[in-house]
Amino acid sequence: MTKKYKRWYDKNEITARCINLLGELEDPLKRQVSTWLMNEIIEKPPYKDMLPKEIESMVHSEQRRRRWYDFDEVCRIYVELVRHAPEKLQKKICVQSITYMEDLIEQRKELLNSQSK
């Protein structure tokens, strides 16, 4: 029996962890993380060989805004780049993204702790 998934990213545990972690961040942090990660992704194949119009078309192919990441263009671009990446690249991007987000969260905790003392 084939397992049915509600969301596209639930098919892979690492991808689900990445997207869920991004979704849990505060909005300004989501945008900061998405911007940095999106720039990392665009610099690598297959995206570095695509024209900006191709990426824009991919991202705007669905106009309805129903998911949390649809309401911020930068988050939406990042998530759609991950979504359309080949499986091997998707896993690599998500591992890098999780590491980046966890490091950033830890740095913010340390900063808040040092400010509260």
Protein backbone atom coordinates (compact mmCIF):
# COMPACT_ATOMS: atom_id res chain seq x y z
CA MET A 1 0.00 0.00 0.00
CA THR A 2 1.39 3.40 -0.98
CA LYS A 3 1.55 5.93 1.82
CA LYS A 4 -0.42 9.13 1.12
CA TYR A 5 1.05 12.45 2.17
CA LYS A 6 -0.91 15.58 2.90
CA ARG A 7 1.96 17.95 2.08
CA TRP A 8 4.66 17.56 -0.59
CA TYR A 9 7.50 17.90 1.92
CA ASP A 10 6.25 15.12 4.21
CA LYS A 11 7.54 12.55 1.72
CA ASN A 12 11.05 13.04 3.05
CA GLU A 13 11.86 13.31 6.77
CA ILE A 14 14.73 15.77 6.25
CA THR A 15 12.70 18.02 3.96
CA ALA A 16 9.78 17.96 6.42
CA ARG A 17 12.12 18.91 9.29
CA CYS A 18 13.55 21.78 7.25
CA ILE A 19 10.22 23.28 6.17
CA ASN A 20 8.66 22.81 9.62
CA LEU A 21 11.66 24.44 11.32
CA LEU A 22 11.42 27.40 8.94
CA GLY A 23 7.69 27.67 9.68
CA GLU A 24 8.34 27.86 13.42
CA LEU A 25 10.65 30.88 13.14
CA GLU A 26 9.48 34.43 13.83
CA ASP A 27 8.50 36.22 10.61
CA PRO A 28 11.56 38.53 10.36
CA LEU A 29 13.82 35.53 10.97
CA LYS A 30 11.97 33.49 8.31
CA ARG A 31 12.73 36.18 5.76
CA GLN A 32 16.39 36.47 6.82
CA VAL A 33 16.88 32.72 6.67
CA SER A 34 15.00 32.35 3.38
CA THR A 35 17.01 35.14 1.75
CA TRP A 36 20.35 33.63 2.70
CA LEU A 37 19.33 30.09 1.79
CA MET A 38 17.70 31.12 -1.46
CA ASN A 39 20.90 32.85 -2.54
CA GLU A 40 22.84 29.69 -1.65
CA ILE A 41 20.49 27.57 -3.78
CA ILE A 42 20.46 29.88 -6.80
CA GLU A 43 24.24 29.73 -7.05
CA LYS A 44 24.16 25.95 -7.66
CA PRO A 45 22.89 23.78 -10.51
CA PRO A 46 20.24 23.45 -11.81
CA TYR A 47 19.17 26.95 -10.75
CA LYS A 48 22.36 28.81 -11.64
CA ASP A 49 21.68 27.95 -15.28
CA MET A 50 18.08 29.16 -15.20
CA LEU A 51 16.99 32.60 -16.23
CA PRO A 52 15.32 34.74 -13.56
CA LYS A 53 12.07 34.59 -15.57
CA GLU A 54 12.07 30.77 -15.38
CA ILE A 55 12.45 30.86 -11.60
CA GLU A 56 9.78 33.56 -11.30
CA SER A 57 7.40 31.54 -13.46
CA MET A 58 7.97 28.44 -11.33
CA VAL A 59 7.28 30.35 -8.13
CA HIS A 60 4.19 32.14 -9.43
CA SER A 61 2.66 29.10 -11.11
CA GLU A 62 0.13 28.85 -8.30
CA GLN A 63 -1.49 32.17 -7.49
CA ARG A 64 -3.59 31.16 -4.48
CA ARG A 65 -2.07 32.06 -1.13
CA ARG A 66 -3.12 29.35 1.29
CA ARG A 67 0.11 28.13 2.89
CA TRP A 68 2.10 30.01 5.55
CA TYR A 69 5.04 30.47 3.19
CA ASP A 70 2.90 31.97 0.41
CA PHE A 71 2.50 35.26 2.26
CA ASP A 72 6.17 36.27 2.09
CA GLU A 73 7.65 36.31 -1.41
CA VAL A 74 11.16 35.45 -0.23
CA CYS A 75 9.95 32.45 1.80
CA ARG A 76 7.80 31.34 -1.10
CA ILE A 77 10.70 31.49 -3.55
CA TYR A 78 12.95 29.53 -1.18
CA VAL A 79 10.33 26.85 -0.51
CA GLU A 80 9.47 26.50 -4.21
CA LEU A 81 13.15 26.19 -5.11
CA VAL A 82 13.44 23.38 -2.56
CA ARG A 83 10.21 21.81 -3.79
CA HIS A 84 11.35 21.66 -7.42
CA ALA A 85 14.94 20.63 -6.73
CA PRO A 86 16.03 17.13 -7.76
CA GLU A 87 15.77 14.75 -4.78
CA LYS A 88 19.50 14.56 -4.10
CA LEU A 89 19.90 18.35 -4.23
CA GLN A 90 16.76 18.81 -2.14
CA LYS A 91 18.23 16.66 0.64
CA LYS A 92 21.55 18.54 0.50
CA ILE A 93 19.79 21.93 0.61
CA CYS A 94 17.61 20.87 3.52
CA VAL A 95 20.53 19.55 5.58
CA GLN A 96 22.39 22.82 5.01
CA SER A 97 19.23 24.79 5.82
CA ILE A 98 18.57 22.93 9.05
CA THR A 99 22.16 23.48 10.17
CA TYR A 100 21.94 27.19 9.34
CA MET A 101 18.60 27.63 11.14
CA GLU A 102 19.67 25.68 14.24
CA ASP A 103 22.89 27.72 14.48
CA LEU A 104 20.95 30.95 14.10
CA ILE A 105 18.41 29.90 16.75
CA GLU A 106 21.23 29.00 19.15
CA GLN A 107 22.97 32.35 18.55
CA ARG A 108 19.72 34.21 19.26
CA LYS A 109 19.21 32.26 22.49
CA GLU A 110 22.75 33.08 23.62
CA LEU A 111 22.25 36.74 22.77
CA LEU A 112 18.95 36.90 24.66
CA ASN A 113 20.49 35.13 27.66
CA SER A 114 23.45 37.54 27.75
CA GLN A 115 21.10 40.55 27.50
CA SER A 116 18.89 39.33 30.32
CA LYS A 117 21.81 39.05 32.76
